[in-house]
C-alpha cells in the first residue's frame, strides 16, 4: 500500500512540475524582463550576407537592431508618452510620433507608420520566424522576441501605455474595438394633409 502511495505521489509531483514549466510567461514578467537576444541566419546571395536581429530589453525600454544590408536601430519605451519610435539609420536619428492609427486616411504615409511597419517586419521576418525555442518561455530566444513583439504591438498599434508601478493588463489579447453607438434613426415626418 505504501509503495502505491509513493508511486502516486511521485507521478503527481512530476506531472505538476512539468505542467507548471509549460505555462506562458505573464504580462508582468514580460514587462519587467531584462535580456539580450541575438538571432542571425543566412541571407540572400547563397548565404554570403548574414541577417541579424538583436533585441536588448531593460524593463520598459526595448532596443532593436536589425542588419539586413545596413544596420537600422529602433528604441521604443512602452512606458513613455506620447507614443513614439526613435529610429537610427545611416541618415541619423529621428523621432516619429504617433498622430493617428496606421491604416487610416488620417495617418496616410506618416513617418511613424513607415517606422512601425519596418520595425514589425524586421521582428517578424528575421526574429520570430528564425528564433529558436518555445514562444511562451522567456528563457528562449523565441520567447524573448515574442515578449518584445507583443509589448511593442500593444504600445505602438493600440496605444497601450504600460507602467512598472501598476498591474500590467493582458498584453496577449488585442483590445476589442467597440463600434460607436449608432445615432437614433428618426422616422421622417409625414408630408401633406392627413387622410381621414
C-alpha atoms as a PDB file:
ATOM      1  CA  UNK A   1       0.000   0.000   0.000  1.00  0.00           C
ATOM      2  CA  UNK A   2       2.807   2.428   0.854  1.00  0.00           C
ATOM      3  CA  UNK A   3       4.521   1.624  -2.435  1.00  0.00           C
ATOM      4  CA  UNK A   4       1.410   2.604  -4.430  1.00  0.00           C
ATOM      5  CA  UNK A   5       1.022   5.804  -2.412  1.00  0.00           C
ATOM      6  CA  UNK A   6       4.687   6.676  -3.007  1.00  0.00           C
ATOM      7  CA  UNK A   7       4.428   5.983  -6.762  1.00  0.00           C
ATOM      8  CA  UNK A   8       1.271   8.080  -6.980  1.00  0.00           C
ATOM      9  CA  UNK A   9       2.931  10.949  -5.095  1.00  0.00           C
ATOM     10  CA  UNK A  10       5.953  10.860  -7.393  1.00  0.00           C
ATOM     11  CA  UNK A  11       3.784  10.823 -10.514  1.00  0.00           C
ATOM     12  CA  UNK A  12       1.659  13.735  -9.277  1.00  0.00           C
ATOM     13  CA  UNK A  13       4.796  15.733  -8.408  1.00  0.00           C
ATOM     14  CA  UNK A  14       6.336  15.082 -11.841  1.00  0.00           C
ATOM     15  CA  UNK A  15       3.115  15.912 -13.626  1.00  0.00           C
ATOM     16  CA  UNK A  16       2.569  19.165 -11.727  1.00  0.00           C
ATOM     17  CA  UNK A  17       6.180  20.307 -12.227  1.00  0.00           C
ATOM     18  CA  UNK A  18       6.099  19.557 -15.950  1.00  0.00           C
ATOM     19  CA  UNK A  19       2.754  21.285 -16.449  1.00  0.00           C
ATOM     20  CA  UNK A  20       3.989  24.268 -14.416  1.00  0.00           C
ATOM     21  CA  UNK A  21       7.017  24.543 -16.714  1.00  0.00           C
ATOM     22  CA  UNK A  22       4.702  24.758 -19.704  1.00  0.00           C
ATOM     23  CA  UNK A  23       2.950  27.952 -18.596  1.00  0.00           C
ATOM     24  CA  UNK A  24       3.262  31.109 -20.647  1.00  0.00           C
ATOM     25  CA  UNK A  25       5.166  33.979 -19.086  1.00  0.00           C
ATOM     26  CA  UNK A  26       2.925  36.587 -17.501  1.00  0.00           C
ATOM     27  CA  UNK A  27       2.447  40.119 -18.841  1.00  0.00           C
ATOM     28  CA  UNK A  28       4.162  41.426 -15.677  1.00  0.00           C
ATOM     29  CA  UNK A  29       7.163  39.111 -16.189  1.00  0.00           C
ATOM     30  CA  UNK A  30       7.398  40.219 -19.815  1.00  0.00           C
ATOM     31  CA  UNK A  31       7.418  43.921 -18.914  1.00  0.00           C
ATOM     32  CA  UNK A  32       9.925  43.526 -16.069  1.00  0.00           C
ATOM     33  CA  UNK A  33      12.288  41.232 -18.013  1.00  0.00           C
ATOM     34  CA  UNK A  34      15.855  42.232 -18.811  1.00  0.00           C
ATOM     35  CA  UNK A  35      17.628  40.376 -21.571  1.00  0.00           C
ATOM     36  CA  UNK A  36      19.590  40.441 -24.796  1.00  0.00           C
ATOM     37  CA  UNK A  37      18.604  38.161 -27.641  1.00  0.00           C
ATOM     38  CA  UNK A  38      20.588  37.749 -30.853  1.00  0.00           C
ATOM     39  CA  UNK A  39      19.070  35.921 -33.838  1.00  0.00           C
ATOM     40  CA  UNK A  40      21.086  35.518 -37.013  1.00  0.00           C
ATOM     41  CA  UNK A  41      20.634  33.474 -40.160  1.00  0.00           C
ATOM     42  CA  UNK A  42      21.971  33.239 -43.688  1.00  0.00           C
ATOM     43  CA  UNK A  43      20.558  35.802 -46.030  1.00  0.00           C
ATOM     44  CA  UNK A  44      20.394  36.178 -49.806  1.00  0.00           C
ATOM     45  CA  UNK A  45      23.104  35.559 -52.393  1.00  0.00           C
ATOM     46  CA  UNK A  46      23.828  31.984 -51.335  1.00  0.00           C
ATOM     47  CA  UNK A  47      24.133  32.999 -47.701  1.00  0.00           C
ATOM     48  CA  UNK A  48      27.011  35.407 -48.266  1.00  0.00           C
ATOM     49  CA  UNK A  49      25.203  38.070 -46.229  1.00  0.00           C
ATOM     50  CA  UNK A  50      24.057  37.311 -42.710  1.00  0.00           C
ATOM     51  CA  UNK A  51      20.888  38.861 -41.374  1.00  0.00           C
ATOM     52  CA  UNK A  52      20.837  39.671 -37.689  1.00  0.00           C
ATOM     53  CA  UNK A  53      18.220  40.884 -35.243  1.00  0.00           C
ATOM     54  CA  UNK A  54      19.282  41.966 -31.746  1.00  0.00           C
ATOM     55  CA  UNK A  55      16.733  42.761 -29.050  1.00  0.00           C
ATOM     56  CA  UNK A  56      18.030  44.461 -25.892  1.00  0.00           C
ATOM     57  CA  UNK A  57      15.311  44.840 -23.275  1.00  0.00           C
ATOM     58  CA  UNK A  58      15.553  46.516 -19.908  1.00  0.00           C
ATOM     59  CA  UNK A  59      12.177  46.942 -18.219  1.00  0.00           C
ATOM     60  CA  UNK A  60      10.155  49.347 -20.393  1.00  0.00           C
ATOM     61  CA  UNK A  61      12.897  50.135 -22.917  1.00  0.00           C
ATOM     62  CA  UNK A  62      13.331  47.943 -25.978  1.00  0.00           C
ATOM     63  CA  UNK A  63      16.259  48.459 -28.327  1.00  0.00           C
ATOM     64  CA  UNK A  64      16.017  46.611 -31.617  1.00  0.00           C
ATOM     65  CA  UNK A  65      18.933  46.454 -34.033  1.00  0.00           C
ATOM     66  CA  UNK A  66      18.375  44.923 -37.447  1.00  0.00           C
ATOM     67  CA  UNK A  67      21.062  44.252 -40.025  1.00  0.00           C
ATOM     68  CA  UNK A  68      19.911  43.216 -43.461  1.00  0.00           C
ATOM     69  CA  UNK A  69      22.159  45.168 -45.832  1.00  0.00           C
ATOM     70  CA  UNK A  70      22.806  48.035 -43.445  1.00  0.00           C
ATOM     71  CA  UNK A  71      22.065  48.373 -39.754  1.00  0.00           C
ATOM     72  CA  UNK A  72      18.880  50.045 -38.591  1.00  0.00           C
ATOM     73  CA  UNK A  73      18.148  50.657 -34.891  1.00  0.00           C
ATOM     74  CA  UNK A  74      14.903  51.457 -33.107  1.00  0.00           C
ATOM     75  CA  UNK A  75      14.250  52.384 -29.477  1.00  0.00           C
ATOM     76  CA  UNK A  76      10.758  52.018 -28.043  1.00  0.00           C
ATOM     77  CA  UNK A  77       9.883  52.897 -24.440  1.00  0.00           C
ATOM     78  CA  UNK A  78       6.479  51.313 -23.791  1.00  0.00           C
ATOM     79  CA  UNK A  79       6.032  53.332 -20.560  1.00  0.00           C
ATOM     80  CA  UNK A  80       6.567  56.790 -22.090  1.00  0.00           C
ATOM     81  CA  UNK A  81       4.111  59.246 -23.571  1.00  0.00           C
ATOM     82  CA  UNK A  82       3.481  60.245 -26.297  1.00  0.00           C
ATOM     83  CA  UNK A  83       3.537  57.041 -28.332  1.00  0.00           C
ATOM     84  CA  UNK A  84       6.663  57.286 -30.489  1.00  0.00           C
ATOM     85  CA  UNK A  85       9.603  55.437 -32.070  1.00  0.00           C
ATOM     86  CA  UNK A  86      13.212  56.597 -32.054  1.00  0.00           C
ATOM     87  CA  UNK A  87      14.998  55.450 -35.169  1.00  0.00           C
ATOM     88  CA  UNK A  88      18.675  55.466 -36.088  1.00  0.00           C
ATOM     89  CA  UNK A  89      19.985  54.682 -39.553  1.00  0.00           C
ATOM     90  CA  UNK A  90      22.698  55.911 -41.907  1.00  0.00           C
ATOM     91  CA  UNK A  91      20.898  59.265 -42.149  1.00  0.00           C
ATOM     92  CA  UNK A  92      20.857  59.951 -38.391  1.00  0.00           C
ATOM     93  CA  UNK A  93      18.365  59.858 -35.514  1.00  0.00           C
ATOM     94  CA  UNK A  94      14.688  60.634 -35.980  1.00  0.00           C
ATOM     95  CA  UNK A  95      11.708  60.564 -33.660  1.00  0.00           C
ATOM     96  CA  UNK A  96       8.389  59.529 -35.167  1.00  0.00           C
ATOM     97  CA  UNK A  97       5.376  60.452 -33.035  1.00  0.00           C
ATOM     98  CA  UNK A  98       2.019  58.732 -33.489  1.00  0.00           C
ATOM     99  CA  UNK A  99      -0.648  61.177 -34.610  1.00  0.00           C
ATOM    100  CA  UNK A 100      -3.283  58.738 -35.916  1.00  0.00           C
ATOM    101  CA  UNK A 101      -3.791  54.996 -36.199  1.00  0.00           C
ATOM    102  CA  UNK A 102      -1.827  53.482 -39.093  1.00  0.00           C
ATOM    103  CA  UNK A 103      -4.000  52.283 -41.950  1.00  0.00           C
ATOM    104  CA  UNK A 104      -6.445  55.148 -41.585  1.00  0.00           C
ATOM    105  CA  UNK A 105      -6.809  58.025 -44.049  1.00  0.00           C
ATOM    106  CA  UNK A 106      -5.701  60.458 -41.332  1.00  0.00           C
ATOM    107  CA  UNK A 107      -2.373  58.650 -40.853  1.00  0.00           C
ATOM    108  CA  UNK A 108      -1.630  58.194 -44.532  1.00  0.00           C
ATOM    109  CA  UNK A 109       2.062  57.524 -45.043  1.00  0.00           C
ATOM    110  CA  UNK A 110       3.365  59.217 -41.897  1.00  0.00           C
ATOM    111  CA  UNK A 111       6.913  58.659 -40.728  1.00  0.00           C
ATOM    112  CA  UNK A 112       5.534  56.873 -37.666  1.00  0.00           C
ATOM    113  CA  UNK A 113       3.615  54.352 -39.785  1.00  0.00           C
ATOM    114  CA  UNK A 114       6.636  53.731 -42.012  1.00  0.00           C
ATOM    115  CA  UNK A 115       8.885  53.151 -38.977  1.00  0.00           C
ATOM    116  CA  UNK A 116       6.253  50.964 -37.308  1.00  0.00           C
ATOM    117  CA  UNK A 117       5.897  48.836 -40.437  1.00  0.00           C
ATOM    118  CA  UNK A 118       9.679  48.452 -40.890  1.00  0.00           C
ATOM    119  CA  UNK A 119      10.164  47.538 -37.214  1.00  0.00           C
ATOM    120  CA  UNK A 120       7.376  44.931 -37.177  1.00  0.00           C
ATOM    121  CA  UNK A 121       8.599  43.447 -40.481  1.00  0.00           C
ATOM    122  CA  UNK A 122      12.124  43.092 -39.070  1.00  0.00           C
ATOM    123  CA  UNK A 123      10.908  41.412 -35.872  1.00  0.00           C
ATOM    124  CA  UNK A 124       8.580  39.064 -37.720  1.00  0.00           C
ATOM    125  CA  UNK A 125      10.760  38.204 -40.732  1.00  0.00           C
ATOM    126  CA  UNK A 126      14.183  37.939 -39.095  1.00  0.00           C
ATOM    127  CA  UNK A 127      13.146  37.379 -35.472  1.00  0.00           C
ATOM    128  CA  UNK A 128      10.022  35.350 -34.814  1.00  0.00           C
ATOM    129  CA  UNK A 129      10.428  33.149 -37.885  1.00  0.00           C
ATOM    130  CA  UNK A 130      14.060  32.215 -37.176  1.00  0.00           C
ATOM    131  CA  UNK A 131      14.216  32.316 -33.343  1.00  0.00           C
ATOM    132  CA  UNK A 132      14.902  29.023 -31.596  1.00  0.00           C
ATOM    133  CA  UNK A 133      12.878  27.633 -28.715  1.00  0.00           C
ATOM    134  CA  UNK A 134       9.465  27.957 -27.150  1.00  0.00           C
ATOM    135  CA  UNK A 135       7.437  31.088 -27.818  1.00  0.00           C
ATOM    136  CA  UNK A 136       5.939  31.083 -24.330  1.00  0.00           C
ATOM    137  CA  UNK A 137       9.223  30.877 -22.382  1.00  0.00           C
ATOM    138  CA  UNK A 138      11.345  33.907 -21.549  1.00  0.00           C
ATOM    139  CA  UNK A 139      14.323  31.552 -21.338  1.00  0.00           C
ATOM    140  CA  UNK A 140      14.323  31.004 -25.125  1.00  0.00           C
ATOM    141  CA  UNK A 141      15.246  33.423 -27.924  1.00  0.00           C
ATOM    142  CA  UNK A 142      11.788  32.920 -29.429  1.00  0.00           C
ATOM    143  CA  UNK A 143      10.078  33.777 -26.123  1.00  0.00           C
ATOM    144  CA  UNK A 144      12.236  36.883 -25.670  1.00  0.00           C
ATOM    145  CA  UNK A 145      11.494  38.063 -29.200  1.00  0.00           C
ATOM    146  CA  UNK A 146       7.784  37.318 -28.775  1.00  0.00           C
ATOM    147  CA  UNK A 147       7.668  39.259 -25.495  1.00  0.00           C
ATOM    148  CA  UNK A 148       9.249  42.299 -27.190  1.00  0.00           C
ATOM    149  CA  UNK A 149       6.947  41.954 -30.202  1.00  0.00           C
ATOM    150  CA  UNK A 150       3.769  41.834 -28.096  1.00  0.00           C
ATOM    151  CA  UNK A 151       4.816  44.772 -25.909  1.00  0.00           C
ATOM    152  CA  UNK A 152       5.587  46.900 -28.962  1.00  0.00           C
ATOM    153  CA  UNK A 153       2.363  45.878 -30.735  1.00  0.00           C
ATOM    154  CA  UNK A 154       0.203  46.899 -27.770  1.00  0.00           C
ATOM    155  CA  UNK A 155       2.100  50.182 -27.327  1.00  0.00           C
ATOM    156  CA  UNK A 156       2.608  51.239 -30.950  1.00  0.00           C
ATOM    157  CA  UNK A 157      -0.530  49.861 -32.572  1.00  0.00           C
ATOM    158  CA  UNK A 158      -3.043  50.030 -29.716  1.00  0.00           C
ATOM    159  CA  UNK A 159      -1.517  52.988 -27.791  1.00  0.00           C
ATOM    160  CA  UNK A 160      -1.494  50.942 -24.574  1.00  0.00           C
ATOM    161  CA  UNK A 161       0.649  52.777 -22.039  1.00  0.00           C
ATOM    162  CA  UNK A 162       2.328  50.430 -19.539  1.00  0.00           C
ATOM    163  CA  UNK A 163       3.908  51.059 -16.148  1.00  0.00           C
ATOM    164  CA  UNK A 164       6.225  49.201 -13.801  1.00  0.00           C
ATOM    165  CA  UNK A 165       4.189  50.540 -10.862  1.00  0.00           C
ATOM    166  CA  UNK A 166       0.703  49.326 -11.762  1.00  0.00           C
ATOM    167  CA  UNK A 167      -0.668  45.904 -12.737  1.00  0.00           C
ATOM    168  CA  UNK A 168       0.021  45.039 -16.369  1.00  0.00           C
ATOM    169  CA  UNK A 169      -3.115  44.288 -18.444  1.00  0.00           C
ATOM    170  CA  UNK A 170      -3.328  41.202 -20.647  1.00  0.00           C
ATOM    171  CA  UNK A 171      -0.930  42.038 -23.472  1.00  0.00           C
ATOM    172  CA  UNK A 172      -1.645  38.784 -25.310  1.00  0.00           C
ATOM    173  CA  UNK A 173      -5.132  39.863 -26.368  1.00  0.00           C
ATOM    174  CA  UNK A 174      -5.574  42.808 -28.664  1.00  0.00           C
ATOM    175  CA  UNK A 175      -8.130  45.224 -27.247  1.00  0.00           C
ATOM    176  CA  UNK A 176     -11.594  44.851 -28.644  1.00  0.00           C
ATOM    177  CA  UNK A 177     -12.818  47.805 -30.616  1.00  0.00           C
ATOM    178  CA  UNK A 178     -16.367  48.695 -29.815  1.00  0.00           C
ATOM    179  CA  UNK A 179     -18.261  50.362 -32.627  1.00  0.00           C
ATOM    180  CA  UNK A 180     -19.710  53.748 -31.747  1.00  0.00           C
ATOM    181  CA  UNK A 181     -23.341  53.699 -30.717  1.00  0.00           C
ATOM    182  CA  UNK A 182     -25.498  54.277 -33.746  1.00  0.00           C
ATOM    183  CA  UNK A 183     -27.359  57.534 -33.779  1.00  0.00           C
ATOM    184  CA  UNK A 184     -31.063  57.114 -33.288  1.00  0.00           C
ATOM    185  CA  UNK A 185     -32.788  56.906 -36.602  1.00  0.00           C
ATOM    186  CA  UNK A 186     -35.763  59.222 -36.694  1.00  0.00           C
ATOM    187  CA  UNK A 187     -38.662  58.448 -38.949  1.00  0.00           C
ATOM    188  CA  UNK A 188     -39.262  61.250 -41.417  1.00  0.00           C
ATOM    189  CA  UNK A 189     -42.289  63.413 -40.624  1.00  0.00           C
ATOM    190  CA  UNK A 190     -45.214  62.786 -42.946  1.00  0.00           C
ATOM    191  CA  UNK A 191     -45.645  65.343 -45.672  1.00  0.00           C
ATOM    192  CA  UNK A 192     -49.029  66.587 -46.779  1.00  0.00           C
ATOM    193  CA  UNK A 193     -52.505  66.512 -45.305  1.00  0.00           C
ATOM    194  CA  UNK A 194     -53.647  63.681 -43.058  1.00  0.00           C
ATOM    195  CA  UNK A 195     -56.205  61.421 -44.606  1.00  0.00           C
ATOM    196  CA  UNK A 196     -59.413  60.790 -42.571  1.00  0.00           C
END
